[in-house]
Amino acid sequence: MEDVERPGAAVHEGSTAGMTQLTEVLGDAVRALEKDAISYVLIGGQASSLLGRPRCSSDIDLLVAPEDAPLALEALGRAGFRTQKINPHWLFKAFRNDVLVDLMFKSRGDIYLDDEMLRRSTLRRFHGMQVRVIPPEDLIVMKAIVSDEETPRHWWDALAILPATDLDWDYLLLRSRRAPRRMLSFLCYATSVDLAVPQDVLRQLGRAVLHE
């Protein structure tokens, strides 16, 4: 277990849920899933805060396996959350005390919670409570892929993780195969702002892009 405290996220302007409220709901959600032995990892703004930089986020993002998503939603419902099946392909939602929980089971780039991601996840402390957090390598790939004109914060979240965490570059390279062009551009940009990236990682991604 890795017991790490970081400043955590602040609340978006206009949100009525404070950090204490958000942390309580996160604890309720985690306990509901763990009670039913449903595997999950924390992603999103809270994970970015724990692995890279403090970041505003007034909701909670959890990733579960596709086959566990209906069971996870039911578990949250039994724990007192209001639940919605927003999109059967990747997203359910749950609400409690003015806090939104996005229950995701697929991310852009066809990223799923798998055995390797779960094995590499770590237990960390978020404002005093213990939560299972996605591996930093997977969060970097996920955020680099999802970043676009409307959500540039994801790009900067991913950049902040690079110097803050002892990365497994072989694993990052393996996960980067999901979107080699985007990841090559991301890591090249990282070197342009003086972040250290192994040259062999860039070369291997470059070869993968050229031979697509």
C-alpha atoms as a PDB file:
ATOM      1  CA  MET A   1       0.000   0.000   0.000  1.00  0.00           C
ATOM      2  CA  GLU A   2       1.255   3.474  -0.848  1.00  0.00           C
ATOM      3  CA  ASP A   3       0.032   5.945   1.735  1.00  0.00           C
ATOM      4  CA  VAL A   4       0.423   9.366   0.129  1.00  0.00           C
ATOM      5  CA  GLU A   5      -1.187  12.670   1.040  1.00  0.00           C
ATOM      6  CA  ARG A   6      -1.397  15.456  -1.575  1.00  0.00           C
ATOM      7  CA  PRO A   7      -3.327  18.709  -1.474  1.00  0.00           C
ATOM      8  CA  GLY A   8      -6.262  17.304  -3.449  1.00  0.00           C
ATOM      9  CA  ALA A   9      -8.836  19.021  -5.571  1.00  0.00           C
ATOM     10  CA  ALA A  10     -10.697  22.232  -5.075  1.00  0.00           C
ATOM     11  CA  VAL A  11     -14.324  22.768  -5.985  1.00  0.00           C
ATOM     12  CA  HIS A  12     -15.452  24.166  -9.302  1.00  0.00           C
ATOM     13  CA  GLU A  13     -17.016  27.610  -9.087  1.00  0.00           C
ATOM     14  CA  GLY A  14     -20.775  27.266  -8.816  1.00  0.00           C
ATOM     15  CA  SER A  15     -20.732  23.852  -7.169  1.00  0.00           C
ATOM     16  CA  THR A  16     -22.635  23.613  -3.905  1.00  0.00           C
ATOM     17  CA  ALA A  17     -20.636  20.581  -2.714  1.00  0.00           C
ATOM     18  CA  GLY A  18     -17.583  21.316  -0.581  1.00  0.00           C
ATOM     19  CA  MET A  19     -14.519  19.136  -0.189  1.00  0.00           C
ATOM     20  CA  THR A  20     -15.822  17.531   3.004  1.00  0.00           C
ATOM     21  CA  GLN A  21     -19.049  16.609   1.241  1.00  0.00           C
ATOM     22  CA  LEU A  22     -17.210  15.263  -1.803  1.00  0.00           C
ATOM     23  CA  THR A  23     -14.881  13.174   0.355  1.00  0.00           C
ATOM     24  CA  GLU A  24     -17.807  11.725   2.317  1.00  0.00           C
ATOM     25  CA  VAL A  25     -19.593  10.713  -0.896  1.00  0.00           C
ATOM     26  CA  LEU A  26     -16.404   9.188  -2.283  1.00  0.00           C
ATOM     27  CA  GLY A  27     -16.100   7.140   0.891  1.00  0.00           C
ATOM     28  CA  ASP A  28     -19.725   6.025   0.635  1.00  0.00           C
ATOM     29  CA  ALA A  29     -19.224   4.978  -2.994  1.00  0.00           C
ATOM     30  CA  VAL A  30     -15.991   3.092  -2.310  1.00  0.00           C
ATOM     31  CA  ARG A  31     -17.467   1.261   0.664  1.00  0.00           C
ATOM     32  CA  ALA A  32     -20.532   0.258  -1.380  1.00  0.00           C
ATOM     33  CA  LEU A  33     -18.356  -1.236  -4.120  1.00  0.00           C
ATOM     34  CA  GLU A  34     -15.971  -2.932  -1.702  1.00  0.00           C
ATOM     35  CA  LYS A  35     -18.874  -4.423   0.248  1.00  0.00           C
ATOM     36  CA  ASP A  36     -19.905  -6.291  -2.915  1.00  0.00           C
ATOM     37  CA  ALA A  37     -16.271  -7.094  -3.866  1.00  0.00           C
ATOM     38  CA  ILE A  38     -16.497  -4.964  -7.026  1.00  0.00           C
ATOM     39  CA  SER A  39     -13.106  -3.877  -8.341  1.00  0.00           C
ATOM     40  CA  TYR A  40     -12.632  -0.206  -9.221  1.00  0.00           C
ATOM     41  CA  VAL A  41      -9.990   2.484  -9.595  1.00  0.00           C
ATOM     42  CA  LEU A  42     -10.275   6.205  -9.003  1.00  0.00           C
ATOM     43  CA  ILE A  43      -9.634   8.294 -12.123  1.00  0.00           C
ATOM     44  CA  GLY A  44     -10.410  11.916 -13.043  1.00  0.00           C
ATOM     45  CA  GLY A  45      -9.564  15.043 -11.101  1.00  0.00           C
ATOM     46  CA  GLN A  46      -9.010  13.375  -7.736  1.00  0.00           C
ATOM     47  CA  ALA A  47      -6.571  10.866  -9.246  1.00  0.00           C
ATOM     48  CA  SER A  48      -4.771  13.730 -10.999  1.00  0.00           C
ATOM     49  CA  SER A  49      -4.444  15.488  -7.653  1.00  0.00           C
ATOM     50  CA  LEU A  50      -2.949  12.420  -6.010  1.00  0.00           C
ATOM     51  CA  LEU A  51      -0.573  11.533  -8.842  1.00  0.00           C
ATOM     52  CA  GLY A  52       0.375  14.905 -10.294  1.00  0.00           C
ATOM     53  CA  ARG A  53      -0.991  18.330  -9.419  1.00  0.00           C
ATOM     54  CA  PRO A  54      -3.855  19.793  -7.358  1.00  0.00           C
ATOM     55  CA  ARG A  55      -6.812  20.176  -9.665  1.00  0.00           C
ATOM     56  CA  CYS A  56     -10.365  21.487  -9.502  1.00  0.00           C
ATOM     57  CA  SER A  57     -12.971  18.746  -9.594  1.00  0.00           C
ATOM     58  CA  SER A  58     -16.400  18.747  -8.021  1.00  0.00           C
ATOM     59  CA  ASP A  59     -17.420  15.257  -9.129  1.00  0.00           C
ATOM     60  CA  ILE A  60     -16.017  11.751  -8.707  1.00  0.00           C
ATOM     61  CA  ASP A  61     -14.869   9.458 -11.529  1.00  0.00           C
ATOM     62  CA  LEU A  62     -14.607   5.718 -10.925  1.00  0.00           C
ATOM     63  CA  LEU A  63     -13.640   3.102 -13.496  1.00  0.00           C
ATOM     64  CA  VAL A  64     -15.018  -0.438 -13.260  1.00  0.00           C
ATOM     65  CA  ALA A  65     -14.962  -3.405 -15.611  1.00  0.00           C
ATOM     66  CA  PRO A  66     -17.838  -3.509 -18.148  1.00  0.00           C
ATOM     67  CA  GLU A  67     -19.205  -6.734 -16.724  1.00  0.00           C
ATOM     68  CA  ASP A  68     -19.270  -5.183 -13.241  1.00  0.00           C
ATOM     69  CA  ALA A  69     -20.943  -1.906 -14.206  1.00  0.00           C
ATOM     70  CA  PRO A  70     -24.593  -3.007 -13.638  1.00  0.00           C
ATOM     71  CA  LEU A  71     -23.642  -4.606 -10.312  1.00  0.00           C
ATOM     72  CA  ALA A  72     -21.755  -1.472  -9.276  1.00  0.00           C
ATOM     73  CA  LEU A  73     -24.736   0.736 -10.079  1.00  0.00           C
ATOM     74  CA  GLU A  74     -27.004  -1.549  -8.071  1.00  0.00           C
ATOM     75  CA  ALA A  75     -24.579  -1.425  -5.143  1.00  0.00           C
ATOM     76  CA  LEU A  76     -24.603   2.369  -5.208  1.00  0.00           C
ATOM     77  CA  GLY A  77     -28.390   2.346  -5.387  1.00  0.00           C
ATOM     78  CA  ARG A  78     -28.603   0.176  -2.282  1.00  0.00           C
ATOM     79  CA  ALA A  79     -26.239   2.595  -0.538  1.00  0.00           C
ATOM     80  CA  GLY A  80     -28.676   5.462  -1.076  1.00  0.00           C
ATOM     81  CA  PHE A  81     -27.439   6.956  -4.344  1.00  0.00           C
ATOM     82  CA  ARG A  82     -29.835   8.041  -7.069  1.00  0.00           C
ATOM     83  CA  THR A  83     -28.697   6.189 -10.185  1.00  0.00           C
ATOM     84  CA  GLN A  84     -29.011   6.622 -13.947  1.00  0.00           C
ATOM     85  CA  LYS A  85     -27.968   4.422 -16.851  1.00  0.00           C
ATOM     86  CA  ILE A  86     -26.824   7.279 -19.079  1.00  0.00           C
ATOM     87  CA  ASN A  87     -25.065   5.319 -21.821  1.00  0.00           C
ATOM     88  CA  PRO A  88     -24.989   1.498 -21.950  1.00  0.00           C
ATOM     89  CA  HIS A  89     -21.663   1.558 -23.794  1.00  0.00           C
ATOM     90  CA  TRP A  90     -19.492   3.466 -21.326  1.00  0.00           C
ATOM     91  CA  LEU A  91     -21.149   5.516 -18.559  1.00  0.00           C
ATOM     92  CA  PHE A  92     -23.583   5.309 -15.648  1.00  0.00           C
ATOM     93  CA  LYS A  93     -24.169   8.076 -13.099  1.00  0.00           C
ATOM     94  CA  ALA A  94     -24.982   8.176  -9.415  1.00  0.00           C
ATOM     95  CA  PHE A  95     -25.873  11.164  -7.201  1.00  0.00           C
ATOM     96  CA  ARG A  96     -25.750  11.762  -3.474  1.00  0.00           C
ATOM     97  CA  ASN A  97     -25.727  14.957  -1.408  1.00  0.00           C
ATOM     98  CA  ASP A  98     -25.271  17.133  -4.496  1.00  0.00           C
ATOM     99  CA  VAL A  99     -22.197  15.150  -5.606  1.00  0.00           C
ATOM    100  CA  LEU A 100     -22.059  13.361  -8.951  1.00  0.00           C
ATOM    101  CA  VAL A 101     -20.305  10.012  -9.331  1.00  0.00           C
ATOM    102  CA  ASP A 102     -19.442   9.091 -12.920  1.00  0.00           C
ATOM    103  CA  LEU A 103     -19.265   5.314 -13.041  1.00  0.00           C
ATOM    104  CA  MET A 104     -17.272   4.650 -16.191  1.00  0.00           C
ATOM    105  CA  PHE A 105     -16.571   1.276 -17.774  1.00  0.00           C
ATOM    106  CA  LYS A 106     -14.892   2.434 -20.984  1.00  0.00           C
ATOM    107  CA  SER A 107     -12.749   5.452 -21.814  1.00  0.00           C
ATOM    108  CA  ARG A 108     -11.835   6.965 -25.168  1.00  0.00           C
ATOM    109  CA  GLY A 109      -9.277   4.807 -26.932  1.00  0.00           C
ATOM    110  CA  ASP A 110     -11.128   1.647 -25.802  1.00  0.00           C
ATOM    111  CA  ILE A 111      -9.491   1.723 -22.380  1.00  0.00           C
ATOM    112  CA  TYR A 112     -11.020  -0.659 -19.860  1.00  0.00           C
ATOM    113  CA  LEU A 113     -10.249  -1.694 -16.304  1.00  0.00           C
ATOM    114  CA  ASP A 114      -8.299  -4.915 -16.799  1.00  0.00           C
ATOM    115  CA  ASP A 115      -6.317  -7.245 -14.559  1.00  0.00           C
ATOM    116  CA  GLU A 116      -2.980  -5.518 -15.219  1.00  0.00           C
ATOM    117  CA  MET A 117      -4.347  -2.069 -14.468  1.00  0.00           C
ATOM    118  CA  LEU A 118      -5.882  -3.353 -11.267  1.00  0.00           C
ATOM    119  CA  ARG A 119      -2.683  -5.152 -10.240  1.00  0.00           C
ATOM    120  CA  ARG A 120      -0.657  -1.971 -10.687  1.00  0.00           C
ATOM    121  CA  SER A 121      -3.148   0.287  -8.915  1.00  0.00           C
ATOM    122  CA  THR A 122      -2.200   1.670  -5.499  1.00  0.00           C
ATOM    123  CA  LEU A 123      -4.001   2.507  -2.292  1.00  0.00           C
ATOM    124  CA  ARG A 124      -3.584   6.178  -1.442  1.00  0.00           C
ATOM    125  CA  ARG A 125      -5.136   8.625   0.984  1.00  0.00           C
ATOM    126  CA  PHE A 126      -7.445  11.333  -0.271  1.00  0.00           C
ATOM    127  CA  HIS A 127      -8.274  13.772   2.539  1.00  0.00           C
ATOM    128  CA  GLY A 128      -7.873  11.069   5.146  1.00  0.00           C
ATOM    129  CA  MET A 129      -9.692   8.238   3.391  1.00  0.00           C
ATOM    130  CA  GLN A 130      -8.108   5.320   1.606  1.00  0.00           C
ATOM    131  CA  VAL A 131      -8.967   4.799  -2.059  1.00  0.00           C
ATOM    132  CA  ARG A 132      -7.627   2.651  -4.894  1.00  0.00           C
ATOM    133  CA  VAL A 133      -6.074   4.821  -7.618  1.00  0.00           C
ATOM    134  CA  ILE A 134      -5.397   4.061 -11.271  1.00  0.00           C
ATOM    135  CA  PRO A 135      -1.719   3.497 -12.210  1.00  0.00           C
ATOM    136  CA  PRO A 136      -0.069   6.771 -13.276  1.00  0.00           C
ATOM    137  CA  GLU A 137       0.895   5.321 -16.664  1.00  0.00           C
ATOM    138  CA  ASP A 138      -2.727   4.498 -17.479  1.00  0.00           C
ATOM    139  CA  LEU A 139      -3.934   7.893 -16.305  1.00  0.00           C
ATOM    140  CA  ILE A 140      -1.361   9.635 -18.514  1.00  0.00           C
ATOM    141  CA  VAL A 141      -2.520   7.701 -21.572  1.00  0.00           C
ATOM    142  CA  MET A 142      -6.176   8.185 -20.743  1.00  0.00           C
ATOM    143  CA  LYS A 143      -5.833  11.936 -20.281  1.00  0.00           C
ATOM    144  CA  ALA A 144      -3.577  12.484 -23.295  1.00  0.00           C
ATOM    145  CA  ILE A 145      -6.110  10.688 -25.475  1.00  0.00           C
ATOM    146  CA  VAL A 146      -9.194  12.456 -24.134  1.00  0.00           C
ATOM    147  CA  SER A 147      -7.719  15.973 -24.230  1.00  0.00           C
ATOM    148  CA  ASP A 148      -9.279  18.248 -26.838  1.00  0.00           C
ATOM    149  CA  GLU A 149     -10.057  21.914 -27.459  1.00  0.00           C
ATOM    150  CA  GLU A 150     -12.854  21.954 -24.877  1.00  0.00           C
ATOM    151  CA  THR A 151     -10.899  20.114 -22.169  1.00  0.00           C
ATOM    152  CA  PRO A 152      -7.206  21.093 -22.419  1.00  0.00           C
ATOM    153  CA  ARG A 153      -6.837  20.506 -18.679  1.00  0.00           C
ATOM    154  CA  HIS A 154      -6.415  16.781 -19.354  1.00  0.00           C
ATOM    155  CA  TRP A 155      -3.218  17.420 -21.348  1.00  0.00           C
ATOM    156  CA  TRP A 156      -1.756  19.462 -18.476  1.00  0.00           C
ATOM    157  CA  ASP A 157      -2.888  16.880 -15.928  1.00  0.00           C
ATOM    158  CA  ALA A 158      -0.955  14.225 -17.838  1.00  0.00           C
ATOM    159  CA  LEU A 159       2.135  16.432 -18.108  1.00  0.00           C
ATOM    160  CA  ALA A 160       2.093  17.044 -14.340  1.00  0.00           C
ATOM    161  CA  ILE A 161       2.230  13.303 -13.638  1.00  0.00           C
ATOM    162  CA  LEU A 162       5.428  12.746 -15.650  1.00  0.00           C
ATOM    163  CA  PRO A 163       7.874  14.378 -13.190  1.00  0.00           C
ATOM    164  CA  ALA A 164       5.859  13.592 -10.054  1.00  0.00           C
ATOM    165  CA  THR A 165       5.861   9.807 -10.279  1.00  0.00           C
ATOM    166  CA  ASP A 166       8.417   7.046 -10.772  1.00  0.00           C
ATOM    167  CA  LEU A 167       7.003   5.694 -14.022  1.00  0.00           C
ATOM    168  CA  ASP A 168       7.364   2.237 -15.514  1.00  0.00           C
ATOM    169  CA  TRP A 169       8.273   3.363 -19.032  1.00  0.00           C
ATOM    170  CA  ASP A 170       7.910  -0.111 -20.534  1.00  0.00           C
ATOM    171  CA  TYR A 171       4.356  -0.270 -19.237  1.00  0.00           C
ATOM    172  CA  LEU A 172       3.622   3.272 -20.410  1.00  0.00           C
ATOM    173  CA  LEU A 173       4.914   2.330 -23.858  1.00  0.00           C
ATOM    174  CA  LEU A 174       2.708  -0.760 -23.887  1.00  0.00           C
ATOM    175  CA  ARG A 175      -0.367   1.251 -22.959  1.00  0.00           C
ATOM    176  CA  SER A 176       0.569   3.969 -25.477  1.00  0.00           C
ATOM    177  CA  ARG A 177      -0.061   1.489 -28.280  1.00  0.00           C
ATOM    178  CA  ARG A 178      -3.750   2.314 -27.882  1.00  0.00           C
ATOM    179  CA  ALA A 179      -3.109   5.689 -29.520  1.00  0.00           C
ATOM    180  CA  PRO A 180       0.510   5.884 -30.722  1.00  0.00           C
ATOM    181  CA  ARG A 181       0.145   9.114 -32.713  1.00  0.00           C
ATOM    182  CA  ARG A 182      -1.401  11.013 -29.822  1.00  0.00           C
ATOM    183  CA  MET A 183       1.091   9.598 -27.335  1.00  0.00           C
ATOM    184  CA  LEU A 184       4.058  10.358 -29.550  1.00  0.00           C
ATOM    185  CA  SER A 185       2.908  13.949 -29.917  1.00  0.00           C
ATOM    186  CA  PHE A 186       2.299  14.189 -26.170  1.00  0.00           C
ATOM    187  CA  LEU A 187       5.713  12.847 -25.199  1.00  0.00           C
ATOM    188  CA  CYS A 188       7.485  14.988 -27.809  1.00  0.00           C
ATOM    189  CA  TYR A 189       5.721  18.007 -26.355  1.00  0.00           C
ATOM    190  CA  ALA A 190       6.836  16.912 -22.879  1.00  0.00           C
ATOM    191  CA  THR A 191      10.474  17.013 -24.006  1.00  0.00           C
ATOM    192  CA  SER A 192       9.903  20.510 -25.448  1.00  0.00           C
ATOM    193  CA  VAL A 193       9.086  21.773 -21.935  1.00  0.00           C
ATOM    194  CA  ASP A 194      12.136  20.030 -20.486  1.00  0.00           C
ATOM    195  CA  LEU A 195      10.440  16.959 -19.039  1.00  0.00           C
ATOM    196  CA  ALA A 196      12.524  13.794 -19.203  1.00  0.00           C
ATOM    197  CA  VAL A 197      11.334  11.097 -21.597  1.00  0.00           C
ATOM    198  CA  PRO A 198      13.577   8.139 -22.531  1.00  0.00           C
ATOM    199  CA  GLN A 199      14.715   8.392 -26.129  1.00  0.00           C
ATOM    200  CA  ASP A 200      14.009   4.712 -26.711  1.00  0.00           C
ATOM    201  CA  VAL A 201      10.351   5.260 -25.840  1.00  0.00           C
ATOM    202  CA  LEU A 202      10.128   8.012 -28.460  1.00  0.00           C
ATOM    203  CA  ARG A 203      11.904   5.863 -31.033  1.00  0.00           C
ATOM    204  CA  GLN A 204       9.627   2.887 -30.468  1.00  0.00           C
ATOM    205  CA  LEU A 205       6.501   5.017 -30.676  1.00  0.00           C
ATOM    206  CA  GLY A 206       7.841   6.685 -33.790  1.00  0.00           C
ATOM    207  CA  ARG A 207       8.370   3.315 -35.445  1.00  0.00           C
ATOM    208  CA  ALA A 208       4.874   2.239 -34.438  1.00  0.00           C
ATOM    209  CA  VAL A 209       3.413   5.383 -36.057  1.00  0.00           C
ATOM    210  CA  LEU A 210       5.434   4.972 -39.253  1.00  0.00           C
ATOM    211  CA  HIS A 211       4.361   1.357 -39.671  1.00  0.00           C
ATOM    212  CA  GLU A 212       0.651   1.843 -38.964  1.00  0.00           C
END
